[in-house]
PDB file of N, CA and C in Angstrom:
ATOM      1  N   MET A   1     -16.253-172.202-113.831  1.00  0.00           N
ATOM      2  CA  MET A   1     -14.855-171.729-113.918  1.00  0.00           C
ATOM      3  C   MET A   1     -14.805-170.214-113.650  1.00  0.00           C
ATOM      4  N   THR A   2     -13.881-169.828-112.902  1.00  0.00           N
ATOM      5  CA  THR A   2     -13.739-168.374-112.584  1.00  0.00           C
ATOM      6  C   THR A   2     -13.064-167.595-113.704  1.00  0.00           C
ATOM      7  N   ARG A   3     -13.289-166.274-113.607  1.00  0.00           N
ATOM      8  CA  ARG A   3     -12.665-165.405-114.660  1.00  0.00           C
ATOM      9  C   ARG A   3     -11.126-165.537-114.528  1.00  0.00           C
ATOM     10  N   GLY A   4     -10.603-165.587-113.297  1.00  0.00           N
ATOM     11  CA  GLY A   4      -9.205-165.672-113.111  1.00  0.00           C
ATOM     12  C   GLY A   4      -8.542-166.812-113.871  1.00  0.00           C
ATOM     13  N   LYS A   5      -9.167-167.956-113.884  1.00  0.00           N
ATOM     14  CA  LYS A   5      -8.618-169.132-114.518  1.00  0.00           C
ATOM     15  C   LYS A   5      -8.477-168.857-116.007  1.00  0.00           C
ATOM     16  N   VAL A   6      -9.525-168.253-116.616  1.00  0.00           N
ATOM     17  CA  VAL A   6      -9.516-168.068-118.066  1.00  0.00           C
ATOM     18  C   VAL A   6      -8.348-167.208-118.430  1.00  0.00           C
ATOM     19  N   SER A   7      -8.188-166.061-117.805  1.00  0.00           N
ATOM     20  CA  SER A   7      -7.113-165.176-118.165  1.00  0.00           C
ATOM     21  C   SER A   7      -5.790-165.774-117.875  1.00  0.00           C
ATOM     22  N   GLU A   8      -5.714-166.657-116.851  1.00  0.00           N
ATOM     23  CA  GLU A   8      -4.467-167.294-116.491  1.00  0.00           C
ATOM     24  C   GLU A   8      -4.022-168.181-117.672  1.00  0.00           C
ATOM     25  N   ARG A   9      -5.009-168.937-118.146  1.00  0.00           N
ATOM     26  CA  ARG A   9      -4.741-169.848-119.308  1.00  0.00           C
ATOM     27  C   ARG A   9      -4.299-169.053-120.485  1.00  0.00           C
ATOM     28  N   ARG A  10      -4.965-167.954-120.761  1.00  0.00           N
ATOM     29  CA  ARG A  10      -4.533-167.098-121.863  1.00  0.00           C
ATOM     30  C   ARG A  10      -3.116-166.605-121.755  1.00  0.00           C
ATOM     31  N   VAL A  11      -2.724-166.263-120.519  1.00  0.00           N
ATOM     32  CA  VAL A  11      -1.333-165.785-120.261  1.00  0.00           C
ATOM     33  C   VAL A  11      -0.357-166.930-120.493  1.00  0.00           C
ATOM     34  N   VAL A  12      -0.739-168.062-120.055  1.00  0.00           N
ATOM     35  CA  VAL A  12       0.169-169.225-120.259  1.00  0.00           C
ATOM     36  C   VAL A  12       0.401-169.545-121.738  1.00  0.00           C
ATOM     37  N   GLN A  13      -0.688-169.478-122.494  1.00  0.00           N
ATOM     38  CA  GLN A  13      -0.548-169.704-123.902  1.00  0.00           C
ATOM     39  C   GLN A  13       0.311-168.621-124.585  1.00  0.00           C
ATOM     40  N   ARG A  14       0.115-167.407-124.165  1.00  0.00           N
ATOM     41  CA  ARG A  14       0.907-166.321-124.718  1.00  0.00           C
ATOM     42  C   ARG A  14       2.388-166.455-124.372  1.00  0.00           C
ATOM     43  N   ASN A  15       2.609-166.864-123.159  1.00  0.00           N
ATOM     44  CA  ASN A  15       4.056-167.092-122.790  1.00  0.00           C
ATOM     45  C   ASN A  15       4.720-168.252-123.575  1.00  0.00           C
ATOM     46  N   ARG A  16       3.905-169.260-123.813  1.00  0.00           N
ATOM     47  CA  ARG A  16       4.429-170.407-124.578  1.00  0.00           C
ATOM     48  C   ARG A  16       4.767-169.910-126.039  1.00  0.00           C
ATOM     49  N   ARG A  17       3.894-169.144-126.556  1.00  0.00           N
ATOM     50  CA  ARG A  17       4.058-168.622-127.936  1.00  0.00           C
ATOM     51  C   ARG A  17       5.302-167.734-127.964  1.00  0.00           C
ATOM     52  N   LEU A  18       5.484-166.858-126.993  1.00  0.00           N
ATOM     53  CA  LEU A  18       6.612-166.010-126.942  1.00  0.00           C
ATOM     54  C   LEU A  18       7.890-166.791-126.741  1.00  0.00           C
ATOM     55  N   GLN A  19       7.766-167.836-125.976  1.00  0.00           N
ATOM     56  CA  GLN A  19       8.965-168.700-125.676  1.00  0.00           C
ATOM     57  C   GLN A  19       9.412-169.342-127.057  1.00  0.00           C
ATOM     58  N   LYS A  20       8.473-169.825-127.804  1.00  0.00           N
ATOM     59  CA  LYS A  20       8.816-170.422-129.134  1.00  0.00           C
ATOM     60  C   LYS A  20       9.480-169.447-130.018  1.00  0.00           C
ATOM     61  N   THR A  21       8.888-168.217-130.091  1.00  0.00           N
ATOM     62  CA  THR A  21       9.508-167.174-130.922  1.00  0.00           C
ATOM     63  C   THR A  21      10.869-166.860-130.454  1.00  0.00           C
ATOM     64  N   HIS A  22      11.105-166.792-129.134  1.00  0.00           N
ATOM     65  CA  HIS A  22      12.317-166.446-128.530  1.00  0.00           C
ATOM     66  C   HIS A  22      13.408-167.548-128.912  1.00  0.00           C
ATOM     67  N   GLU A  23      12.973-168.866-128.816  1.00  0.00           N
ATOM     68  CA  GLU A  23      13.862-169.940-129.115  1.00  0.00           C
ATOM     69  C   GLU A  23      14.269-169.908-130.583  1.00  0.00           C
ATOM     70  N   ARG A  24      13.260-169.627-131.431  1.00  0.00           N
ATOM     71  CA  ARG A  24      13.522-169.536-132.889  1.00  0.00           C
ATOM     72  C   ARG A  24      14.535-168.383-133.143  1.00  0.00           C
ATOM     73  N   PHE A  25      14.307-167.276-132.410  1.00  0.00           N
ATOM     74  CA  PHE A  25      15.144-166.166-132.586  1.00  0.00           C
ATOM     75  C   PHE A  25      16.566-166.484-132.290  1.00  0.00           C
ATOM     76  N   HIS A  26      16.787-167.302-131.237  1.00  0.00           N
ATOM     77  CA  HIS A  26      18.186-167.655-130.811  1.00  0.00           C
ATOM     78  C   HIS A  26      18.770-168.589-131.878  1.00  0.00           C
ATOM     79  N   ILE A  27      17.974-169.483-132.452  1.00  0.00           N
ATOM     80  CA  ILE A  27      18.507-170.334-133.537  1.00  0.00           C
ATOM     81  C   ILE A  27      18.933-169.467-134.706  1.00  0.00           C
ATOM     82  N   LEU A  28      18.075-168.487-135.073  1.00  0.00           N
ATOM     83  CA  LEU A  28      18.448-167.610-136.140  1.00  0.00           C
ATOM     84  C   LEU A  28      19.701-166.813-135.829  1.00  0.00           C
ATOM     85  N   TYR A  29      19.809-166.421-134.559  1.00  0.00           N
ATOM     86  CA  TYR A  29      20.943-165.568-134.124  1.00  0.00           C
ATOM     87  C   TYR A  29      22.236-166.455-134.320  1.00  0.00           C
ATOM     88  N   GLU A  30      22.122-167.735-133.924  1.00  0.00           N
ATOM     89  CA  GLU A  30      23.268-168.582-134.013  1.00  0.00           C
ATOM     90  C   GLU A  30      23.624-168.771-135.467  1.00  0.00           C
ATOM     91  N   ILE A  31      22.607-168.945-136.350  1.00  0.00           N
ATOM     92  CA  ILE A  31      22.868-169.193-137.807  1.00  0.00           C
ATOM     93  C   ILE A  31      23.580-167.956-138.375  1.00  0.00           C
ATOM     94  N   LYS A  32      23.039-166.786-138.131  1.00  0.00           N
ATOM     95  CA  LYS A  32      23.621-165.597-138.753  1.00  0.00           C
ATOM     96  C   LYS A  32      24.891-165.134-138.039  1.00  0.00           C
ATOM     97  N   ARG A  33      25.074-165.397-136.793  1.00  0.00           N
ATOM     98  CA  ARG A  33      26.171-164.913-135.984  1.00  0.00           C
ATOM     99  C   ARG A  33      26.436-163.436-136.252  1.00  0.00           C
ATOM    100  N   ILE A  34      25.369-162.701-136.049  1.00  0.00           N
ATOM    101  CA  ILE A  34      25.442-161.301-136.450  1.00  0.00           C
ATOM    102  C   ILE A  34      26.161-160.488-135.420  1.00  0.00           C
ATOM    103  N   SER A  35      26.859-159.517-135.906  1.00  0.00           N
ATOM    104  CA  SER A  35      27.607-158.640-134.985  1.00  0.00           C
ATOM    105  C   SER A  35      26.698-157.511-134.513  1.00  0.00           C
ATOM    106  N   ALA A  36      25.528-157.339-135.226  1.00  0.00           N
ATOM    107  CA  ALA A  36      24.598-156.282-134.841  1.00  0.00           C
ATOM    108  C   ALA A  36      23.942-156.675-133.540  1.00  0.00           C
ATOM    109  N   PRO A  37      23.540-155.658-132.756  1.00  0.00           N
ATOM    110  CA  PRO A  37      22.851-155.923-131.486  1.00  0.00           C
ATOM    111  C   PRO A  37      21.437-156.529-131.720  1.00  0.00           C
ATOM    112  N   CYS A  38      21.010-157.196-130.682  1.00  0.00           N
ATOM    113  CA  CYS A  38      19.732-157.944-130.776  1.00  0.00           C
ATOM    114  C   CYS A  38      18.579-157.005-131.193  1.00  0.00           C
ATOM    115  N   SER A  39      18.563-155.785-130.628  1.00  0.00           N
ATOM    116  CA  SER A  39      17.424-154.916-130.974  1.00  0.00           C
ATOM    117  C   SER A  39      17.300-154.638-132.443  1.00  0.00           C
ATOM    118  N   GLN A  40      18.430-154.507-133.116  1.00  0.00           N
ATOM    119  CA  GLN A  40      18.431-154.280-134.520  1.00  0.00           C
ATOM    120  C   GLN A  40      17.752-155.425-135.287  1.00  0.00           C
ATOM    121  N   ILE A  41      18.083-156.639-134.793  1.00  0.00           N
ATOM    122  CA  ILE A  41      17.592-157.860-135.465  1.00  0.00           C
ATOM    123  C   ILE A  41      16.039-157.896-135.252  1.00  0.00           C
ATOM    124  N   TRP A  42      15.597-157.581-134.048  1.00  0.00           N
ATOM    125  CA  TRP A  42      14.192-157.564-133.761  1.00  0.00           C
ATOM    126  C   TRP A  42      13.525-156.533-134.681  1.00  0.00           C
ATOM    127  N   GLU A  43      14.091-155.378-134.797  1.00  0.00           N
ATOM    128  CA  GLU A  43      13.448-154.332-135.603  1.00  0.00           C
ATOM    129  C   GLU A  43      13.452-154.776-137.070  1.00  0.00           C
ATOM    130  N   GLY A  44      14.456-155.527-137.530  1.00  0.00           N
ATOM    131  CA  GLY A  44      14.463-156.014-138.826  1.00  0.00           C
ATOM    132  C   GLY A  44      13.257-156.987-139.079  1.00  0.00           C
ATOM    133  N   GLY A  45      12.741-157.496-137.981  1.00  0.00           N
ATOM    134  CA  GLY A  45      11.527-158.399-138.107  1.00  0.00           C
ATOM    135  C   GLY A  45      11.947-159.834-138.162  1.00  0.00           C
ATOM    136  N   ILE A  46      11.186-160.633-137.367  1.00  0.00           N
ATOM    137  CA  ILE A  46      11.516-162.089-137.309  1.00  0.00           C
ATOM    138  C   ILE A  46      11.116-162.759-138.589  1.00  0.00           C
ATOM    139  N   GLY A  47      10.157-162.207-139.367  1.00  0.00           N
ATOM    140  CA  GLY A  47       9.735-162.815-140.637  1.00  0.00           C
ATOM    141  C   GLY A  47      10.823-162.987-141.602  1.00  0.00           C
ATOM    142  N   LYS A  48      11.625-161.904-141.836  1.00  0.00           N
ATOM    143  CA  LYS A  48      12.654-162.039-142.824  1.00  0.00           C
ATOM    144  C   LYS A  48      13.722-162.998-142.311  1.00  0.00           C
ATOM    145  N   LEU A  49      14.044-163.000-141.023  1.00  0.00           N
ATOM    146  CA  LEU A  49      15.039-163.950-140.500  1.00  0.00           C
ATOM    147  C   LEU A  49      14.504-165.430-140.602  1.00  0.00           C
ATOM    148  N   SER A  50      13.264-165.584-140.327  1.00  0.00           N
ATOM    149  CA  SER A  50      12.714-166.977-140.262  1.00  0.00           C
ATOM    150  C   SER A  50      12.719-167.493-141.716  1.00  0.00           C
ATOM    151  N   ARG A  51      12.588-166.595-142.675  1.00  0.00           N
ATOM    152  CA  ARG A  51      12.552-167.023-144.047  1.00  0.00           C
ATOM    153  C   ARG A  51      13.984-167.549-144.401  1.00  0.00           C
ATOM    154  N   GLU A  52      14.966-166.751-143.964  1.00  0.00           N
ATOM    155  CA  GLU A  52      16.360-167.184-144.216  1.00  0.00           C
ATOM    156  C   GLU A  52      16.627-168.453-143.441  1.00  0.00           C
ATOM    157  N   TYR A  53      16.071-168.588-142.288  1.00  0.00           N
ATOM    158  CA  TYR A  53      16.294-169.846-141.435  1.00  0.00           C
ATOM    159  C   TYR A  53      15.691-171.011-142.225  1.00  0.00           C
ATOM    160  N   HIS A  54      14.514-170.904-142.713  1.00  0.00           N
ATOM    161  CA  HIS A  54      13.888-172.011-143.411  1.00  0.00           C
ATOM    162  C   HIS A  54      14.616-172.428-144.682  1.00  0.00           C
ATOM    163  N   GLU A  55      15.106-171.318-145.369  1.00  0.00           N
ATOM    164  CA  GLU A  55      15.914-171.600-146.582  1.00  0.00           C
ATOM    165  C   GLU A  55      17.194-172.383-146.161  1.00  0.00           C
ATOM    166  N   ARG A  56      17.778-171.984-145.105  1.00  0.00           N
ATOM    167  CA  ARG A  56      19.043-172.618-144.705  1.00  0.00           C
ATOM    168  C   ARG A  56      18.739-174.077-144.299  1.00  0.00           C
ATOM    169  N   VAL A  57      17.611-174.289-143.587  1.00  0.00           N
ATOM    170  CA  VAL A  57      17.344-175.634-143.193  1.00  0.00           C
ATOM    171  C   VAL A  57      17.019-176.517-144.403  1.00  0.00           C
ATOM    172  N   ARG A  58      16.300-175.999-145.391  1.00  0.00           N
ATOM    173  CA  ARG A  58      15.966-176.676-146.604  1.00  0.00           C
ATOM    174  C   ARG A  58      17.266-177.020-147.354  1.00  0.00           C
ATOM    175  N   PHE A  59      18.132-176.067-147.450  1.00  0.00           N
ATOM    176  CA  PHE A  59      19.405-176.201-148.143  1.00  0.00           C
ATOM    177  C   PHE A  59      20.243-177.343-147.538  1.00  0.00           C
ATOM    178  N   THR A  60      20.406-177.328-146.170  1.00  0.00           N
ATOM    179  CA  THR A  60      21.205-178.343-145.503  1.00  0.00           C
ATOM    180  C   THR A  60      20.522-179.687-145.643  1.00  0.00           C
ATOM    181  N   ALA A  61      19.167-179.730-145.653  1.00  0.00           N
ATOM    182  CA  ALA A  61      18.440-180.965-145.802  1.00  0.00           C
ATOM    183  C   ALA A  61      18.690-181.586-147.137  1.00  0.00           C
ATOM    184  N   GLU A  62      18.684-180.734-148.170  1.00  0.00           N
ATOM    185  CA  GLU A  62      18.934-181.202-149.538  1.00  0.00           C
ATOM    186  C   GLU A  62      20.334-181.699-149.693  1.00  0.00           C
ATOM    187  N   GLN A  63      21.293-181.069-149.082  1.00  0.00           N
ATOM    188  CA  GLN A  63      22.672-181.505-149.136  1.00  0.00           C
ATOM    189  C   GLN A  63      22.858-182.899-148.508  1.00  0.00           C
ATOM    190  N   LYS A  64      22.056-183.161-147.506  1.00  0.00           N
ATOM    191  CA  LYS A  64      22.136-184.499-146.848  1.00  0.00           C
ATOM    192  C   LYS A  64      21.276-185.469-147.608  1.00  0.00           C
ATOM    193  N   GLY A  65      20.578-185.050-148.615  1.00  0.00           N
ATOM    194  CA  GLY A  65      19.710-185.978-149.378  1.00  0.00           C
ATOM    195  C   GLY A  65      18.421-186.256-148.590  1.00  0.00           C
ATOM    196  N   ASP A  66      18.090-185.320-147.701  1.00  0.00           N
ATOM    197  CA  ASP A  66      16.873-185.501-146.866  1.00  0.00           C
ATOM    198  C   ASP A  66      15.885-184.448-147.340  1.00  0.00           C
ATOM    199  N   ARG A  67      14.790-184.931-148.007  1.00  0.00           N
ATOM    200  CA  ARG A  67      13.830-183.966-148.540  1.00  0.00           C
ATOM    201  C   ARG A  67      12.583-183.894-147.614  1.00  0.00           C
ATOM    202  N   ARG A  68      12.772-183.462-146.424  1.00  0.00           N
ATOM    203  CA  ARG A  68      11.652-183.453-145.527  1.00  0.00           C
ATOM    204  C   ARG A  68      11.133-182.043-145.300  1.00  0.00           C
ATOM    205  N   SER A  69      11.658-181.035-145.989  1.00  0.00           N
ATOM    206  CA  SER A  69      11.333-179.665-145.699  1.00  0.00           C
ATOM    207  C   SER A  69       9.849-179.356-146.015  1.00  0.00           C
TER     208      SER A  69
END
């Protein structure tokens, strides 16, 4: 296998990871419906947002009587 292939695979994996983060970010953005610009949300850190996201998911799941969280 050539060196080019290895780095290419690494790039693909990185892109996929970024894509997932990006999608999650959009979900969070929809949930919060924030008036603040995107850059501020990014600076606030995805960790804090994702924690709120998971809490929201757990909350809605419990309301529906679905304990899969």
